[in-house]
Full PDB file with SEQRES, HELIX, SHEET, SSBOND, CRYST1, ORIGX, SCALE, CONECT and MASTER records, all heavy atoms in Angstrom:
SEQRES   1 A   35  GLY PHE PHE SER THR THR SER SER LEU GLU GLU SER SER          
SEQRES   2 A   35  LEU ASP ASP ASP GLU ALA PRO GLU LEU PRO LEU LEU ALA          
SEQRES   3 A   35  GLU SER VAL ASP GLU MET ASP PRO ALA                          
CRYST1    1.000    1.000    1.000  90.00  90.00  90.00 P 1           1          
ORIGX1      1.000000  0.000000  0.000000        0.00000                         
ORIGX2      0.000000  1.000000  0.000000        0.00000                         
ORIGX3      0.000000  0.000000  1.000000        0.00000                         
SCALE1      1.000000  0.000000  0.000000        0.00000                         
SCALE2      0.000000  1.000000  0.000000        0.00000                         
SCALE3      0.000000  0.000000  1.000000        0.00000                         
ATOM      1  N   GLY A   1      -1.249  -2.226   5.342  1.00  0.00           N  
ATOM      2  CA  GLY A   1      -0.565  -2.309   4.063  1.00  0.00           C  
ATOM      3  C   GLY A   1      -1.291  -3.079   3.001  1.00  0.00           C  
ATOM      4  O   GLY A   1      -0.810  -3.200   1.883  1.00  0.00           O  
ATOM      5  N   PHE A   2      -2.497  -3.633   3.307  1.00  0.00           N  
ATOM      6  CA  PHE A   2      -3.193  -4.504   2.347  1.00  0.00           C  
ATOM      7  C   PHE A   2      -3.443  -3.810   1.018  1.00  0.00           C  
ATOM      8  O   PHE A   2      -3.088  -4.290  -0.037  1.00  0.00           O  
ATOM      9  CB  PHE A   2      -4.504  -4.975   2.966  1.00  0.00           C  
ATOM     10  CG  PHE A   2      -5.278  -5.934   2.105  1.00  0.00           C  
ATOM     11  CD1 PHE A   2      -4.633  -6.783   1.236  1.00  0.00           C  
ATOM     12  CD2 PHE A   2      -6.658  -5.995   2.197  1.00  0.00           C  
ATOM     13  CE1 PHE A   2      -5.347  -7.680   0.456  1.00  0.00           C  
ATOM     14  CE2 PHE A   2      -7.381  -6.885   1.422  1.00  0.00           C  
ATOM     15  CZ  PHE A   2      -6.722  -7.719   0.551  1.00  0.00           C  
ATOM     16  N   PHE A   3      -4.081  -2.634   1.077  1.00  0.00           N  
ATOM     17  CA  PHE A   3      -4.351  -1.905  -0.145  1.00  0.00           C  
ATOM     18  C   PHE A   3      -3.584  -0.592  -0.202  1.00  0.00           C  
ATOM     19  O   PHE A   3      -3.923   0.285  -0.973  1.00  0.00           O  
ATOM     20  CB  PHE A   3      -5.851  -1.603  -0.280  1.00  0.00           C  
ATOM     21  CG  PHE A   3      -6.636  -2.768  -0.781  1.00  0.00           C  
ATOM     22  CD1 PHE A   3      -7.445  -3.493   0.072  1.00  0.00           C  
ATOM     23  CD2 PHE A   3      -6.575  -3.147  -2.102  1.00  0.00           C  
ATOM     24  CE1 PHE A   3      -8.179  -4.569  -0.394  1.00  0.00           C  
ATOM     25  CE2 PHE A   3      -7.301  -4.227  -2.571  1.00  0.00           C  
ATOM     26  CZ  PHE A   3      -8.109  -4.936  -1.711  1.00  0.00           C  
ATOM     27  N   SER A   4      -2.564  -0.434   0.599  1.00  0.00           N  
ATOM     28  CA  SER A   4      -1.817   0.814   0.600  1.00  0.00           C  
ATOM     29  C   SER A   4      -0.938   0.913  -0.629  1.00  0.00           C  
ATOM     30  O   SER A   4      -0.293  -0.043  -1.038  1.00  0.00           O  
ATOM     31  CB  SER A   4      -0.934   0.886   1.849  1.00  0.00           C  
ATOM     32  OG  SER A   4      -0.046   1.967   1.763  1.00  0.00           O  
ATOM     33  N   THR A   5      -0.883   2.089  -1.252  1.00  0.00           N  
ATOM     34  CA  THR A   5      -0.015   2.295  -2.411  1.00  0.00           C  
ATOM     35  C   THR A   5       1.307   2.900  -1.996  1.00  0.00           C  
ATOM     36  O   THR A   5       2.149   3.163  -2.846  1.00  0.00           O  
ATOM     37  CB  THR A   5      -0.680   3.233  -3.424  1.00  0.00           C  
ATOM     38  OG1 THR A   5      -0.962   4.476  -2.768  1.00  0.00           O  
ATOM     39  CG2 THR A   5      -1.946   2.624  -3.969  1.00  0.00           C  
ATOM     40  N   THR A   6       1.526   3.130  -0.709  1.00  0.00           N  
ATOM     41  CA  THR A   6       2.726   3.823  -0.281  1.00  0.00           C  
ATOM     42  C   THR A   6       3.714   2.919   0.420  1.00  0.00           C  
ATOM     43  O   THR A   6       4.776   3.352   0.809  1.00  0.00           O  
ATOM     44  CB  THR A   6       2.358   4.973   0.672  1.00  0.00           C  
ATOM     45  OG1 THR A   6       1.669   4.444   1.797  1.00  0.00           O  
ATOM     46  CG2 THR A   6       1.479   5.981  -0.040  1.00  0.00           C  
ATOM     47  N   SER A   7       3.385   1.627   0.582  1.00  0.00           N  
ATOM     48  CA  SER A   7       4.305   0.720   1.250  1.00  0.00           C  
ATOM     49  C   SER A   7       4.585  -0.478   0.366  1.00  0.00           C  
ATOM     50  O   SER A   7       3.790  -0.870  -0.458  1.00  0.00           O  
ATOM     51  CB  SER A   7       3.712   0.240   2.582  1.00  0.00           C  
ATOM     52  OG  SER A   7       2.551  -0.512   2.360  1.00  0.00           O  
ATOM     53  N   SER A   8       5.775  -1.056   0.554  1.00  0.00           N  
ATOM     54  CA  SER A   8       6.173  -2.215  -0.230  1.00  0.00           C  
ATOM     55  C   SER A   8       5.870  -3.474   0.553  1.00  0.00           C  
ATOM     56  O   SER A   8       6.399  -3.693   1.634  1.00  0.00           O  
ATOM     57  CB  SER A   8       7.672  -2.150  -0.549  1.00  0.00           C  
ATOM     58  OG  SER A   8       8.104  -3.365  -1.103  1.00  0.00           O  
ATOM     59  N   LEU A   9       5.022  -4.331  -0.005  1.00  0.00           N  
ATOM     60  CA  LEU A   9       4.678  -5.562   0.696  1.00  0.00           C  
ATOM     61  C   LEU A   9       5.871  -6.484   0.789  1.00  0.00           C  
ATOM     62  O   LEU A   9       5.996  -7.267   1.724  1.00  0.00           O  
ATOM     63  CB  LEU A   9       3.521  -6.257  -0.026  1.00  0.00           C  
ATOM     64  CG  LEU A   9       2.155  -5.619   0.186  1.00  0.00           C  
ATOM     65  CD1 LEU A   9       1.138  -6.259  -0.737  1.00  0.00           C  
ATOM     66  CD2 LEU A   9       1.701  -5.737   1.618  1.00  0.00           C  
ATOM     67  N   GLU A  10       6.777  -6.414  -0.214  1.00  0.00           N  
ATOM     68  CA  GLU A  10       7.932  -7.299  -0.171  1.00  0.00           C  
ATOM     69  C   GLU A  10       8.841  -6.946   1.005  1.00  0.00           C  
ATOM     70  O   GLU A  10       9.492  -7.800   1.584  1.00  0.00           O  
ATOM     71  CB  GLU A  10       8.752  -7.207  -1.468  1.00  0.00           C  
ATOM     72  CG  GLU A  10       7.965  -7.568  -2.701  1.00  0.00           C  
ATOM     73  CD  GLU A  10       7.429  -6.353  -3.406  1.00  0.00           C  
ATOM     74  OE1 GLU A  10       7.013  -5.405  -2.733  1.00  0.00           O  
ATOM     75  OE2 GLU A  10       7.452  -6.353  -4.630  1.00  0.00           O  
ATOM     76  N   GLU A  11       8.915  -5.642   1.333  1.00  0.00           N  
ATOM     77  CA  GLU A  11       9.868  -5.208   2.337  1.00  0.00           C  
ATOM     78  C   GLU A  11       9.225  -5.032   3.708  1.00  0.00           C  
ATOM     79  O   GLU A  11       9.913  -4.887   4.709  1.00  0.00           O  
ATOM     80  CB  GLU A  11      10.499  -3.881   1.895  1.00  0.00           C  
ATOM     81  CG  GLU A  11      11.274  -4.004   0.586  1.00  0.00           C  
ATOM     82  CD  GLU A  11      11.771  -2.659   0.100  1.00  0.00           C  
ATOM     83  OE1 GLU A  11      11.476  -1.642   0.758  1.00  0.00           O  
ATOM     84  OE2 GLU A  11      12.463  -2.630  -0.924  1.00  0.00           O  
ATOM     85  N   SER A  12       7.895  -5.008   3.771  1.00  0.00           N  
ATOM     86  CA  SER A  12       7.227  -4.726   5.045  1.00  0.00           C  
ATOM     87  C   SER A  12       7.286  -5.938   5.958  1.00  0.00           C  
ATOM     88  O   SER A  12       7.407  -7.076   5.527  1.00  0.00           O  
ATOM     89  CB  SER A  12       5.769  -4.336   4.798  1.00  0.00           C  
ATOM     90  OG  SER A  12       5.076  -5.389   4.174  1.00  0.00           O  
ATOM     91  N   SER A  13       7.204  -5.662   7.248  1.00  0.00           N  
ATOM     92  CA  SER A  13       7.165  -6.739   8.244  1.00  0.00           C  
ATOM     93  C   SER A  13       5.811  -6.677   8.918  1.00  0.00           C  
ATOM     94  O   SER A  13       5.697  -6.338  10.090  1.00  0.00           O  
ATOM     95  CB  SER A  13       8.297  -6.566   9.260  1.00  0.00           C  
ATOM     96  OG  SER A  13       8.222  -5.290   9.863  1.00  0.00           O  
ATOM     97  N   LEU A  14       4.759  -6.980   8.166  1.00  0.00           N  
ATOM     98  CA  LEU A  14       3.405  -6.835   8.668  1.00  0.00           C  
ATOM     99  C   LEU A  14       3.078  -7.952   9.647  1.00  0.00           C  
ATOM    100  O   LEU A  14       3.477  -9.090   9.480  1.00  0.00           O  
ATOM    101  CB  LEU A  14       2.403  -6.871   7.509  1.00  0.00           C  
ATOM    102  CG  LEU A  14       2.604  -5.815   6.424  1.00  0.00           C  
ATOM    103  CD1 LEU A  14       1.522  -5.955   5.375  1.00  0.00           C  
ATOM    104  CD2 LEU A  14       2.570  -4.424   7.024  1.00  0.00           C  
ATOM    105  N   ASP A  15       2.325  -7.597  10.652  1.00  0.00           N  
ATOM    106  CA  ASP A  15       1.819  -8.565  11.622  1.00  0.00           C  
ATOM    107  C   ASP A  15       0.376  -8.867  11.258  1.00  0.00           C  
ATOM    108  O   ASP A  15      -0.469  -7.989  11.260  1.00  0.00           O  
ATOM    109  CB  ASP A  15       1.898  -7.965  13.028  1.00  0.00           C  
ATOM    110  CG  ASP A  15       1.467  -8.949  14.096  1.00  0.00           C  
ATOM    111  OD1 ASP A  15       0.888  -9.996  13.747  1.00  0.00           O  
ATOM    112  OD2 ASP A  15       1.703  -8.654  15.279  1.00  0.00           O  
ATOM    113  N   ASP A  16       0.079 -10.110  10.908  1.00  0.00           N  
ATOM    114  CA  ASP A  16      -1.262 -10.475  10.489  1.00  0.00           C  
ATOM    115  C   ASP A  16      -2.297 -10.239  11.582  1.00  0.00           C  
ATOM    116  O   ASP A  16      -3.488 -10.227  11.314  1.00  0.00           O  
ATOM    117  CB  ASP A  16      -1.313 -11.944  10.054  1.00  0.00           C  
ATOM    118  CG  ASP A  16      -0.807 -12.125   8.639  1.00  0.00           C  
ATOM    119  OD1 ASP A  16      -0.715 -11.106   7.923  1.00  0.00           O  
ATOM    120  OD2 ASP A  16      -0.510 -13.261   8.271  1.00  0.00           O  
ATOM    121  N   ASP A  17      -1.867 -10.078  12.825  1.00  0.00           N  
ATOM    122  CA  ASP A  17      -2.825  -9.842  13.900  1.00  0.00           C  
ATOM    123  C   ASP A  17      -3.228  -8.376  13.991  1.00  0.00           C  
ATOM    124  O   ASP A  17      -4.186  -8.036  14.669  1.00  0.00           O  
ATOM    125  CB  ASP A  17      -2.232 -10.277  15.241  1.00  0.00           C  
ATOM    126  CG  ASP A  17      -2.057 -11.790  15.302  1.00  0.00           C  
ATOM    127  OD1 ASP A  17      -2.853 -12.490  14.647  1.00  0.00           O  
ATOM    128  OD2 ASP A  17      -1.137 -12.246  15.983  1.00  0.00           O  
ATOM    129  N   GLU A  18      -2.469  -7.480  13.327  1.00  0.00           N  
ATOM    130  CA  GLU A  18      -2.802  -6.070  13.351  1.00  0.00           C  
ATOM    131  C   GLU A  18      -3.831  -5.782  12.272  1.00  0.00           C  
ATOM    132  O   GLU A  18      -3.716  -6.245  11.156  1.00  0.00           O  
ATOM    133  CB  GLU A  18      -1.555  -5.218  13.110  1.00  0.00           C  
ATOM    134  CG  GLU A  18      -0.498  -5.364  14.207  1.00  0.00           C  
ATOM    135  CD  GLU A  18       0.727  -4.542  13.902  1.00  0.00           C  
ATOM    136  OE1 GLU A  18       0.751  -3.910  12.841  1.00  0.00           O  
ATOM    137  OE2 GLU A  18       1.651  -4.551  14.733  1.00  0.00           O  
ATOM    138  N   ALA A  19      -4.835  -4.972  12.605  1.00  0.00           N  
ATOM    139  CA  ALA A  19      -5.865  -4.669  11.614  1.00  0.00           C  
ATOM    140  C   ALA A  19      -6.391  -3.254  11.805  1.00  0.00           C  
ATOM    141  O   ALA A  19      -7.522  -3.034  12.198  1.00  0.00           O  
ATOM    142  CB  ALA A  19      -7.013  -5.671  11.711  1.00  0.00           C  
ATOM    143  N   PRO A  20      -5.560  -2.229  11.566  1.00  0.00           N  
ATOM    144  CA  PRO A  20      -6.024  -0.855  11.702  1.00  0.00           C  
ATOM    145  C   PRO A  20      -6.943  -0.482  10.563  1.00  0.00           C  
ATOM    146  O   PRO A  20      -6.979  -1.153   9.531  1.00  0.00           O  
ATOM    147  CB  PRO A  20      -4.719  -0.049  11.631  1.00  0.00           C  
ATOM    148  CG  PRO A  20      -3.819  -0.886  10.784  1.00  0.00           C  
ATOM    149  CD  PRO A  20      -4.155  -2.306  11.135  1.00  0.00           C  
ATOM    150  N   GLU A  21      -7.689   0.621  10.719  1.00  0.00           N  
ATOM    151  CA  GLU A  21      -8.562   1.098   9.663  1.00  0.00           C  
ATOM    152  C   GLU A  21      -7.709   1.733   8.569  1.00  0.00           C  
ATOM    153  O   GLU A  21      -6.953   2.662   8.818  1.00  0.00           O  
ATOM    154  CB  GLU A  21      -9.539   2.144  10.215  1.00  0.00           C  
ATOM    155  CG  GLU A  21     -10.521   1.583  11.235  1.00  0.00           C  
ATOM    156  CD  GLU A  21     -11.618   0.774  10.583  1.00  0.00           C  
ATOM    157  OE1 GLU A  21     -11.689   0.747   9.348  1.00  0.00           O  
ATOM    158  OE2 GLU A  21     -12.413   0.167  11.307  1.00  0.00           O  
ATOM    159  N   LEU A  22      -7.823   1.248   7.355  1.00  0.00           N  
ATOM    160  CA  LEU A  22      -7.094   1.792   6.219  1.00  0.00           C  
ATOM    161  C   LEU A  22      -8.002   1.821   5.008  1.00  0.00           C  
ATOM    162  O   LEU A  22      -8.970   1.063   4.938  1.00  0.00           O  
ATOM    163  CB  LEU A  22      -5.857   0.933   5.901  1.00  0.00           C  
ATOM    164  CG  LEU A  22      -4.692   1.005   6.887  1.00  0.00           C  
ATOM    165  CD1 LEU A  22      -3.615   0.018   6.464  1.00  0.00           C  
ATOM    166  CD2 LEU A  22      -4.112   2.413   6.931  1.00  0.00           C  
ATOM    167  N   PRO A  23      -7.717   2.670   4.015  1.00  0.00           N  
ATOM    168  CA  PRO A  23      -8.537   2.690   2.807  1.00  0.00           C  
ATOM    169  C   PRO A  23      -8.508   1.330   2.111  1.00  0.00           C  
ATOM    170  O   PRO A  23      -7.444   0.734   1.968  1.00  0.00           O  
ATOM    171  CB  PRO A  23      -7.854   3.755   1.943  1.00  0.00           C  
ATOM    172  CG  PRO A  23      -7.102   4.605   2.898  1.00  0.00           C  
ATOM    173  CD  PRO A  23      -6.663   3.677   3.998  1.00  0.00           C  
ATOM    174  N   LEU A  24      -9.672   0.870   1.707  1.00  0.00           N  
ATOM    175  CA  LEU A  24      -9.731  -0.388   0.961  1.00  0.00           C  
ATOM    176  C   LEU A  24      -9.127  -0.217  -0.415  1.00  0.00           C  
ATOM    177  O   LEU A  24      -8.304  -1.004  -0.861  1.00  0.00           O  
ATOM    178  CB  LEU A  24     -11.178  -0.865   0.826  1.00  0.00           C  
ATOM    179  CG  LEU A  24     -11.355  -2.070  -0.085  1.00  0.00           C  
ATOM    180  CD1 LEU A  24     -10.642  -3.273   0.500  1.00  0.00           C  
ATOM    181  CD2 LEU A  24     -12.813  -2.380  -0.288  1.00  0.00           C  
ATOM    182  N   LEU A  25      -9.569   0.815  -1.108  1.00  0.00           N  
ATOM    183  CA  LEU A  25      -9.063   1.078  -2.444  1.00  0.00           C  
ATOM    184  C   LEU A  25      -8.433   2.459  -2.457  1.00  0.00           C  
ATOM    185  O   LEU A  25      -9.102   3.457  -2.658  1.00  0.00           O  
ATOM    186  CB  LEU A  25     -10.203   1.017  -3.480  1.00  0.00           C  
ATOM    187  CG  LEU A  25     -10.899  -0.332  -3.584  1.00  0.00           C  
ATOM    188  CD1 LEU A  25     -12.041  -0.249  -4.581  1.00  0.00           C  
ATOM    189  CD2 LEU A  25      -9.928  -1.419  -4.004  1.00  0.00           C  
ATOM    190  N   ALA A  26      -7.153   2.517  -2.212  1.00  0.00           N  
ATOM    191  CA  ALA A  26      -6.468   3.796  -2.213  1.00  0.00           C  
ATOM    192  C   ALA A  26      -6.428   4.367  -3.627  1.00  0.00           C  
ATOM    193  O   ALA A  26      -6.460   3.629  -4.608  1.00  0.00           O  
ATOM    194  CB  ALA A  26      -5.041   3.624  -1.681  1.00  0.00           C  
ATOM    195  N   GLU A  27      -6.351   5.677  -3.736  1.00  0.00           N  
ATOM    196  CA  GLU A  27      -6.291   6.291  -5.055  1.00  0.00           C  
ATOM    197  C   GLU A  27      -5.026   5.837  -5.761  1.00  0.00           C  
ATOM    198  O   GLU A  27      -3.948   5.795  -5.192  1.00  0.00           O  
ATOM    199  CB  GLU A  27      -6.308   7.814  -4.932  1.00  0.00           C  
ATOM    200  CG  GLU A  27      -7.632   8.367  -4.434  1.00  0.00           C  
ATOM    201  CD  GLU A  27      -7.665   9.879  -4.494  1.00  0.00           C  
ATOM    202  OE1 GLU A  27      -6.965  10.451  -5.341  1.00  0.00           O  
ATOM    203  OE2 GLU A  27      -8.387  10.478  -3.698  1.00  0.00           O  
ATOM    204  N   SER A  28      -5.164   5.502  -7.047  1.00  0.00           N  
ATOM    205  CA  SER A  28      -4.011   5.056  -7.808  1.00  0.00           C  
ATOM    206  C   SER A  28      -3.074   6.227  -8.068  1.00  0.00           C  
ATOM    207  O   SER A  28      -3.489   7.367  -8.192  1.00  0.00           O  
ATOM    208  CB  SER A  28      -4.454   4.441  -9.144  1.00  0.00           C  
ATOM    209  OG  SER A  28      -5.156   5.381  -9.914  1.00  0.00           O  
ATOM    210  N   VAL A  29      -1.796   5.929  -8.136  1.00  0.00           N  
ATOM    211  CA  VAL A  29      -0.789   6.947  -8.382  1.00  0.00           C  
ATOM    212  C   VAL A  29      -0.127   6.649  -9.715  1.00  0.00           C  
ATOM    213  O   VAL A  29       0.386   5.559  -9.943  1.00  0.00           O  
ATOM    214  CB  VAL A  29       0.284   6.939  -7.263  1.00  0.00           C  
ATOM    215  CG1 VAL A  29       1.352   7.966  -7.550  1.00  0.00           C  
ATOM    216  CG2 VAL A  29      -0.364   7.209  -5.916  1.00  0.00           C  
ATOM    217  N   ASP A  30      -0.142   7.626 -10.624  1.00  0.00           N  
ATOM    218  CA  ASP A  30       0.486   7.437 -11.933  1.00  0.00           C  
ATOM    219  C   ASP A  30       1.997   7.486 -11.770  1.00  0.00           C  
ATOM    220  O   ASP A  30       2.539   8.436 -11.215  1.00  0.00           O  
ATOM    221  CB  ASP A  30       0.039   8.523 -12.911  1.00  0.00           C  
ATOM    222  CG  ASP A  30      -1.431   8.403 -13.255  1.00  0.00           C  
ATOM    223  OD1 ASP A  30      -1.932   7.271 -13.311  1.00  0.00           O  
ATOM    224  OD2 ASP A  30      -2.064   9.440 -13.461  1.00  0.00           O  
ATOM    225  N   GLU A  31       2.663   6.435 -12.234  1.00  0.00           N  
ATOM    226  CA  GLU A  31       4.114   6.367 -12.119  1.00  0.00           C  
ATOM    227  C   GLU A  31       4.767   6.384 -13.491  1.00  0.00           C  
ATOM    228  O   GLU A  31       5.906   5.962 -13.652  1.00  0.00           O  
ATOM    229  CB  GLU A  31       4.506   5.095 -11.364  1.00  0.00           C  
ATOM    230  CG  GLU A  31       3.943   5.034  -9.954  1.00  0.00           C  
ATOM    231  CD  GLU A  31       4.253   3.732  -9.248  1.00  0.00           C  
ATOM    232  OE1 GLU A  31       4.684   2.781  -9.944  1.00  0.00           O  
ATOM    233  OE2 GLU A  31       4.074   3.661  -8.028  1.00  0.00           O  
ATOM    234  N   MET A  32       4.048   6.858 -14.494  1.00  0.00           N  
ATOM    235  CA  MET A  32       4.590   6.860 -15.837  1.00  0.00           C  
ATOM    236  C   MET A  32       5.655   7.943 -15.981  1.00  0.00           C  
ATOM    237  O   MET A  32       5.434   9.097 -15.620  1.00  0.00           O  
ATOM    238  CB  MET A  32       3.478   7.095 -16.867  1.00  0.00           C  
ATOM    239  CG  MET A  32       2.403   6.039 -16.835  1.00  0.00           C  
ATOM    240  SD  MET A  32       3.064   4.392 -17.153  1.00  0.00           S  
ATOM    241  CE  MET A  32       1.732   3.389 -16.518  1.00  0.00           C  
ATOM    242  N   ASP A  33       6.794   7.557 -16.513  1.00  0.00           N  
ATOM    243  CA  ASP A  33       7.867   8.506 -16.776  1.00  0.00           C  
ATOM    244  C   ASP A  33       7.422   9.439 -17.898  1.00  0.00           C  
ATOM    245  O   ASP A  33       7.087   8.984 -18.993  1.00  0.00           O  
ATOM    246  CB  ASP A  33       9.118   7.720 -17.200  1.00  0.00           C  
ATOM    247  CG  ASP A  33      10.333   8.612 -17.408  1.00  0.00           C  
ATOM    248  OD1 ASP A  33      10.155   9.846 -17.464  1.00  0.00           O  
ATOM    249  OD2 ASP A  33      11.433   8.069 -17.519  1.00  0.00           O  
ATOM    250  N   PRO A  34       7.412  10.766 -17.658  1.00  0.00           N  
ATOM    251  CA  PRO A  34       7.003  11.694 -18.721  1.00  0.00           C  
ATOM    252  C   PRO A  34       7.802  11.509 -19.999  1.00  0.00           C  
ATOM    253  O   PRO A  34       7.281  11.698 -21.099  1.00  0.00           O  
ATOM    254  CB  PRO A  34       7.270  13.066 -18.089  1.00  0.00           C  
ATOM    255  CG  PRO A  34       7.164  12.830 -16.623  1.00  0.00           C  
ATOM    256  CD  PRO A  34       7.731  11.454 -16.407  1.00  0.00           C  
ATOM    257  N   ALA A  35       9.083  11.118 -19.868  1.00  0.00           N  
ATOM    258  CA  ALA A  35       9.906  10.904 -21.053  1.00  0.00           C  
ATOM    259  C   ALA A  35       9.382   9.729 -21.879  1.00  0.00           C  
ATOM    260  O   ALA A  35       9.423   9.758 -23.114  1.00  0.00           O  
ATOM    261  CB  ALA A  35      11.363  10.663 -20.646  1.00  0.00           C  
TER     262      ALA A  35                                                      
MASTER        0    0    0    0    0    0    0    6  261    1    0    3          
END                                                                             
């Protein structure tokens, strides 16, 4: 979850001992409301 754009760090229950391979810099996702 370090650089993941799909998970909420506030709500996650991450274990600092876990270290799977994940993208360092995930692609940014535009969240701008078209309106």
